[in-house]
PDB file of all heavy atoms in Angstrom:
ATOM      1  N   ALA A   1     -44.331  -9.942  -5.898  1.00  0.00           N
ATOM      2  CA  ALA A   1     -44.642 -11.248  -6.487  1.00  0.00           C
ATOM      3  C   ALA A   1     -44.929 -12.274  -5.391  1.00  0.00           C
ATOM      4  O   ALA A   1     -45.855 -13.093  -5.518  1.00  0.00           O
ATOM      5  CB  ALA A   1     -43.465 -11.713  -7.349  1.00  0.00           C
ATOM      6  N   THR A   2     -44.148 -12.226  -4.317  1.00  0.00           N
ATOM      7  CA  THR A   2     -44.353 -13.160  -3.201  1.00  0.00           C
ATOM      8  C   THR A   2     -45.724 -12.945  -2.559  1.00  0.00           C
ATOM      9  O   THR A   2     -46.429 -13.914  -2.236  1.00  0.00           O
ATOM     10  CB  THR A   2     -43.243 -12.978  -2.153  1.00  0.00           C
ATOM     11  OG1 THR A   2     -41.965 -13.208  -2.766  1.00  0.00           O
ATOM     12  CG2 THR A   2     -43.425 -13.954  -1.000  1.00  0.00           C
ATOM     13  N   GLN A   3     -46.102 -11.699  -2.385  1.00  0.00           N
ATOM     14  CA  GLN A   3     -47.417 -11.414  -1.813  1.00  0.00           C
ATOM     15  C   GLN A   3     -48.534 -11.979  -2.692  1.00  0.00           C
ATOM     16  O   GLN A   3     -49.505 -12.556  -2.172  1.00  0.00           O
ATOM     17  CB  GLN A   3     -47.600  -9.900  -1.653  1.00  0.00           C
ATOM     18  CG  GLN A   3     -46.759  -9.289  -0.543  1.00  0.00           C
ATOM     19  CD  GLN A   3     -46.927  -7.786  -0.455  1.00  0.00           C
ATOM     20  OE1 GLN A   3     -47.148  -7.112  -1.462  1.00  0.00           O
ATOM     21  NE2 GLN A   3     -46.811  -7.242   0.751  1.00  0.00           N
ATOM     22  N   ASP A   4     -48.388 -11.846  -3.999  1.00  0.00           N
ATOM     23  CA  ASP A   4     -49.406 -12.375  -4.919  1.00  0.00           C
ATOM     24  C   ASP A   4     -49.479 -13.901  -4.846  1.00  0.00           C
ATOM     25  O   ASP A   4     -50.576 -14.487  -4.870  1.00  0.00           O
ATOM     26  CB  ASP A   4     -49.093 -11.945  -6.353  1.00  0.00           C
ATOM     27  CG  ASP A   4     -49.298 -10.459  -6.575  1.00  0.00           C
ATOM     28  OD1 ASP A   4     -50.002  -9.836  -5.760  1.00  0.00           O
ATOM     29  OD2 ASP A   4     -48.740  -9.923  -7.562  1.00  0.00           O
ATOM     30  N   ILE A   5     -48.320 -14.532  -4.752  1.00  0.00           N
ATOM     31  CA  ILE A   5     -48.284 -16.003  -4.676  1.00  0.00           C
ATOM     32  C   ILE A   5     -48.901 -16.477  -3.366  1.00  0.00           C
ATOM     33  O   ILE A   5     -49.700 -17.430  -3.351  1.00  0.00           O
ATOM     34  CB  ILE A   5     -46.840 -16.512  -4.819  1.00  0.00           C
ATOM     35  CG1 ILE A   5     -46.336 -16.265  -6.248  1.00  0.00           C
ATOM     36  CG2 ILE A   5     -46.748 -17.996  -4.478  1.00  0.00           C
ATOM     37  CD1 ILE A   5     -44.861 -16.529  -6.445  1.00  0.00           C
ATOM     38  N   VAL A   6     -48.550 -15.810  -2.256  1.00  0.00           N
ATOM     39  CA  VAL A   6     -49.120 -16.180  -0.956  1.00  0.00           C
ATOM     40  C   VAL A   6     -50.635 -16.038  -0.982  1.00  0.00           C
ATOM     41  O   VAL A   6     -51.371 -16.901  -0.466  1.00  0.00           O
ATOM     42  CB  VAL A   6     -48.509 -15.311   0.164  1.00  0.00           C
ATOM     43  CG1 VAL A   6     -49.280 -15.503   1.474  1.00  0.00           C
ATOM     44  CG2 VAL A   6     -47.035 -15.667   0.375  1.00  0.00           C
ATOM     45  N   LYS A   7     -51.123 -14.976  -1.588  1.00  0.00           N
ATOM     46  CA  LYS A   7     -52.569 -14.767  -1.678  1.00  0.00           C
ATOM     47  C   LYS A   7     -53.232 -15.899  -2.456  1.00  0.00           C
ATOM     48  O   LYS A   7     -54.296 -16.399  -2.058  1.00  0.00           O
ATOM     49  CB  LYS A   7     -52.858 -13.424  -2.341  1.00  0.00           C
ATOM     50  CG  LYS A   7     -54.343 -13.080  -2.410  1.00  0.00           C
ATOM     51  CD  LYS A   7     -54.553 -11.709  -3.032  1.00  0.00           C
ATOM     52  CE  LYS A   7     -56.038 -11.377  -3.109  1.00  0.00           C
ATOM     53  NZ  LYS A   7     -56.264 -10.033  -3.742  1.00  0.00           N
ATOM     54  N   GLU A   8     -52.597 -16.341  -3.545  1.00  0.00           N
ATOM     55  CA  GLU A   8     -53.159 -17.439  -4.329  1.00  0.00           C
ATOM     56  C   GLU A   8     -53.155 -18.743  -3.547  1.00  0.00           C
ATOM     57  O   GLU A   8     -54.084 -19.556  -3.671  1.00  0.00           O
ATOM     58  CB  GLU A   8     -52.376 -17.594  -5.638  1.00  0.00           C
ATOM     59  CG  GLU A   8     -52.591 -16.444  -6.608  1.00  0.00           C
ATOM     60  CD  GLU A   8     -51.856 -16.645  -7.921  1.00  0.00           C
ATOM     61  OE1 GLU A   8     -51.483 -17.792  -8.216  1.00  0.00           O
ATOM     62  OE2 GLU A   8     -51.648 -15.647  -8.641  1.00  0.00           O
ATOM     63  N   VAL A   9     -52.144 -18.958  -2.722  1.00  0.00           N
ATOM     64  CA  VAL A   9     -52.098 -20.150  -1.869  1.00  0.00           C
ATOM     65  C   VAL A   9     -53.223 -20.088  -0.835  1.00  0.00           C
ATOM     66  O   VAL A   9     -53.942 -21.070  -0.604  1.00  0.00           O
ATOM     67  CB  VAL A   9     -50.728 -20.283  -1.174  1.00  0.00           C
ATOM     68  CG1 VAL A   9     -50.763 -21.389  -0.120  1.00  0.00           C
ATOM     69  CG2 VAL A   9     -49.630 -20.570  -2.202  1.00  0.00           C
ATOM     70  N   GLN A  10     -53.396 -18.918  -0.224  1.00  0.00           N
ATOM     71  CA  GLN A  10     -54.445 -18.750   0.788  1.00  0.00           C
ATOM     72  C   GLN A  10     -55.836 -18.955   0.196  1.00  0.00           C
ATOM     73  O   GLN A  10     -56.734 -19.464   0.873  1.00  0.00           O
ATOM     74  CB  GLN A  10     -54.344 -17.355   1.411  1.00  0.00           C
ATOM     75  CG  GLN A  10     -53.117 -17.156   2.290  1.00  0.00           C
ATOM     76  CD  GLN A  10     -52.974 -15.727   2.775  1.00  0.00           C
ATOM     77  OE1 GLN A  10     -53.452 -14.785   2.131  1.00  0.00           O
ATOM     78  NE2 GLN A  10     -52.308 -15.548   3.902  1.00  0.00           N
ATOM     79  N   GLU A  11     -55.998 -18.580  -1.062  1.00  0.00           N
ATOM     80  CA  GLU A  11     -57.304 -18.728  -1.724  1.00  0.00           C
ATOM     81  C   GLU A  11     -57.498 -20.117  -2.314  1.00  0.00           C
ATOM     82  O   GLU A  11     -58.543 -20.401  -2.909  1.00  0.00           O
ATOM     83  CB  GLU A  11     -57.438 -17.666  -2.820  1.00  0.00           C
ATOM     84  CG  GLU A  11     -57.508 -16.241  -2.278  1.00  0.00           C
ATOM     85  CD  GLU A  11     -57.499 -15.196  -3.392  1.00  0.00           C
ATOM     86  OE1 GLU A  11     -57.195 -15.591  -4.546  1.00  0.00           O
ATOM     87  OE2 GLU A  11     -57.804 -14.026  -3.121  1.00  0.00           O
ATOM     88  N   GLY A  12     -56.506 -20.973  -2.176  1.00  0.00           N
ATOM     89  CA  GLY A  12     -56.604 -22.333  -2.679  1.00  0.00           C
ATOM     90  C   GLY A  12     -56.373 -22.464  -4.173  1.00  0.00           C
ATOM     91  O   GLY A  12     -56.615 -23.531  -4.760  1.00  0.00           O
ATOM     92  N   LYS A  13     -55.886 -21.415  -4.824  1.00  0.00           N
ATOM     93  CA  LYS A  13     -55.623 -21.454  -6.263  1.00  0.00           C
ATOM     94  C   LYS A  13     -54.273 -22.101  -6.577  1.00  0.00           C
ATOM     95  O   LYS A  13     -54.017 -22.489  -7.719  1.00  0.00           O
ATOM     96  CB  LYS A  13     -55.662 -20.047  -6.842  1.00  0.00           C
ATOM     97  CG  LYS A  13     -57.004 -19.337  -6.688  1.00  0.00           C
ATOM     98  CD  LYS A  13     -56.929 -17.914  -7.227  1.00  0.00           C
ATOM     99  CE  LYS A  13     -58.254 -17.192  -7.070  1.00  0.00           C
ATOM    100  NZ  LYS A  13     -58.167 -15.778  -7.529  1.00  0.00           N
ATOM    101  N   LEU A  14     -53.437 -22.199  -5.558  1.00  0.00           N
ATOM    102  CA  LEU A  14     -52.078 -22.698  -5.740  1.00  0.00           C
ATOM    103  C   LEU A  14     -51.646 -23.405  -4.469  1.00  0.00           C
ATOM    104  O   LEU A  14     -51.981 -22.964  -3.369  1.00  0.00           O
ATOM    105  CB  LEU A  14     -51.146 -21.506  -6.027  1.00  0.00           C
ATOM    106  CG  LEU A  14     -49.739 -21.768  -6.518  1.00  0.00           C
ATOM    107  CD1 LEU A  14     -49.773 -22.324  -7.949  1.00  0.00           C
ATOM    108  CD2 LEU A  14     -48.930 -20.468  -6.494  1.00  0.00           C
ATOM    109  N   SER A  15     -50.959 -24.533  -4.606  1.00  0.00           N
ATOM    110  CA  SER A  15     -50.424 -25.202  -3.432  1.00  0.00           C
ATOM    111  C   SER A  15     -48.960 -24.838  -3.266  1.00  0.00           C
ATOM    112  O   SER A  15     -48.290 -24.443  -4.226  1.00  0.00           O
ATOM    113  CB  SER A  15     -50.564 -26.723  -3.564  1.00  0.00           C
ATOM    114  OG  SER A  15     -49.629 -27.230  -4.498  1.00  0.00           O
ATOM    115  N   VAL A  16     -48.458 -24.992  -2.056  1.00  0.00           N
ATOM    116  CA  VAL A  16     -47.059 -24.668  -1.783  1.00  0.00           C
ATOM    117  C   VAL A  16     -46.137 -25.486  -2.685  1.00  0.00           C
ATOM    118  O   VAL A  16     -45.124 -24.979  -3.198  1.00  0.00           O
ATOM    119  CB  VAL A  16     -46.736 -24.902  -0.295  1.00  0.00           C
ATOM    120  CG1 VAL A  16     -45.237 -24.768  -0.050  1.00  0.00           C
ATOM    121  CG2 VAL A  16     -47.511 -23.927   0.581  1.00  0.00           C
ATOM    122  N   ASP A  17     -46.473 -26.734  -2.905  1.00  0.00           N
ATOM    123  CA  ASP A  17     -45.632 -27.610  -3.735  1.00  0.00           C
ATOM    124  C   ASP A  17     -45.628 -27.198  -5.196  1.00  0.00           C
ATOM    125  O   ASP A  17     -44.760 -27.630  -5.964  1.00  0.00           O
ATOM    126  CB  ASP A  17     -46.114 -29.064  -3.614  1.00  0.00           C
ATOM    127  CG  ASP A  17     -45.865 -29.638  -2.222  1.00  0.00           C
ATOM    128  OD1 ASP A  17     -44.963 -29.124  -1.528  1.00  0.00           O
ATOM    129  OD2 ASP A  17     -46.571 -30.589  -1.834  1.00  0.00           O
ATOM    130  N   ASP A  18     -46.584 -26.375  -5.590  1.00  0.00           N
ATOM    131  CA  ASP A  18     -46.658 -25.915  -6.979  1.00  0.00           C
ATOM    132  C   ASP A  18     -45.750 -24.722  -7.262  1.00  0.00           C
ATOM    133  O   ASP A  18     -45.619 -24.299  -8.417  1.00  0.00           O
ATOM    134  CB  ASP A  18     -48.096 -25.514  -7.334  1.00  0.00           C
ATOM    135  CG  ASP A  18     -49.027 -26.717  -7.422  1.00  0.00           C
ATOM    136  OD1 ASP A  18     -48.532 -27.810  -7.722  1.00  0.00           O
ATOM    137  OD2 ASP A  18     -50.231 -26.535  -7.177  1.00  0.00           O
ATOM    138  N   ILE A  19     -45.143 -24.161  -6.224  1.00  0.00           N
ATOM    139  CA  ILE A  19     -44.338 -22.951  -6.401  1.00  0.00           C
ATOM    140  C   ILE A  19     -42.964 -23.322  -6.946  1.00  0.00           C
ATOM    141  O   ILE A  19     -42.078 -23.774  -6.228  1.00  0.00           O
ATOM    142  CB  ILE A  19     -44.200 -22.167  -5.082  1.00  0.00           C
ATOM    143  CG1 ILE A  19     -45.583 -21.808  -4.530  1.00  0.00           C
ATOM    144  CG2 ILE A  19     -43.371 -20.895  -5.307  1.00  0.00           C
ATOM    145  CD1 ILE A  19     -45.546 -21.162  -3.158  1.00  0.00           C
ATOM    146  N   THR A  20     -42.812 -23.149  -8.242  1.00  0.00           N
ATOM    147  CA  THR A  20     -41.559 -23.429  -8.935  1.00  0.00           C
ATOM    148  C   THR A  20     -40.914 -22.110  -9.366  1.00  0.00           C
ATOM    149  O   THR A  20     -41.500 -21.036  -9.219  1.00  0.00           O
ATOM    150  CB  THR A  20     -41.809 -24.288 -10.178  1.00  0.00           C
ATOM    151  OG1 THR A  20     -42.654 -23.538 -11.082  1.00  0.00           O
ATOM    152  CG2 THR A  20     -42.508 -25.597  -9.808  1.00  0.00           C
ATOM    153  N   GLU A  21     -39.726 -22.202  -9.930  1.00  0.00           N
ATOM    154  CA  GLU A  21     -39.087 -21.001 -10.464  1.00  0.00           C
ATOM    155  C   GLU A  21     -39.947 -20.389 -11.564  1.00  0.00           C
ATOM    156  O   GLU A  21     -40.038 -19.163 -11.686  1.00  0.00           O
ATOM    157  CB  GLU A  21     -37.690 -21.330 -11.000  1.00  0.00           C
ATOM    158  CG  GLU A  21     -36.686 -21.658  -9.902  1.00  0.00           C
ATOM    159  CD  GLU A  21     -35.275 -21.824 -10.448  1.00  0.00           C
ATOM    160  OE1 GLU A  21     -35.048 -21.487 -11.627  1.00  0.00           O
ATOM    161  OE2 GLU A  21     -34.405 -22.289  -9.685  1.00  0.00           O
ATOM    162  N   ASP A  22     -40.572 -21.233 -12.370  1.00  0.00           N
ATOM    163  CA  ASP A  22     -41.438 -20.722 -13.441  1.00  0.00           C
ATOM    164  C   ASP A  22     -42.633 -19.965 -12.878  1.00  0.00           C
ATOM    165  O   ASP A  22     -43.064 -18.948 -13.447  1.00  0.00           O
ATOM    166  CB  ASP A  22     -41.913 -21.869 -14.338  1.00  0.00           C
ATOM    167  CG  ASP A  22     -40.806 -22.412 -15.231  1.00  0.00           C
ATOM    168  OD1 ASP A  22     -39.800 -21.708 -15.425  1.00  0.00           O
ATOM    169  OD2 ASP A  22     -40.953 -23.543 -15.728  1.00  0.00           O
ATOM    170  N   VAL A  23     -43.175 -20.462 -11.778  1.00  0.00           N
ATOM    171  CA  VAL A  23     -44.314 -19.778 -11.148  1.00  0.00           C
ATOM    172  C   VAL A  23     -43.882 -18.416 -10.630  1.00  0.00           C
ATOM    173  O   VAL A  23     -44.588 -17.412 -10.804  1.00  0.00           O
ATOM    174  CB  VAL A  23     -44.901 -20.641 -10.006  1.00  0.00           C
ATOM    175  CG1 VAL A  23     -45.864 -19.825  -9.146  1.00  0.00           C
ATOM    176  CG2 VAL A  23     -45.614 -21.858 -10.575  1.00  0.00           C
ATOM    177  N   ILE A  24     -42.723 -18.359 -10.001  1.00  0.00           N
ATOM    178  CA  ILE A  24     -42.220 -17.073  -9.511  1.00  0.00           C
ATOM    179  C   ILE A  24     -42.001 -16.118 -10.677  1.00  0.00           C
ATOM    180  O   ILE A  24     -42.431 -14.961 -10.636  1.00  0.00           O
ATOM    181  CB  ILE A  24     -40.919 -17.266  -8.713  1.00  0.00           C
ATOM    182  CG1 ILE A  24     -41.197 -18.078  -7.445  1.00  0.00           C
ATOM    183  CG2 ILE A  24     -40.299 -15.919  -8.353  1.00  0.00           C
ATOM    184  CD1 ILE A  24     -39.957 -18.498  -6.684  1.00  0.00           C
ATOM    185  N   SER A  25     -41.365 -16.594 -11.739  1.00  0.00           N
ATOM    186  CA  SER A  25     -41.124 -15.743 -12.913  1.00  0.00           C
ATOM    187  C   SER A  25     -42.426 -15.206 -13.489  1.00  0.00           C
ATOM    188  O   SER A  25     -42.489 -14.065 -13.952  1.00  0.00           O
ATOM    189  CB  SER A  25     -40.368 -16.528 -13.989  1.00  0.00           C
ATOM    190  OG  SER A  25     -39.060 -16.850 -13.571  1.00  0.00           O
TER     191      SER A  25
END
């Protein structure tokens, strides 16, 4: 899940500040 989130941040689909518990879930 962390790898997927990091990839979305790198692609500009998600910002670091957007990473909430709900996003991780």
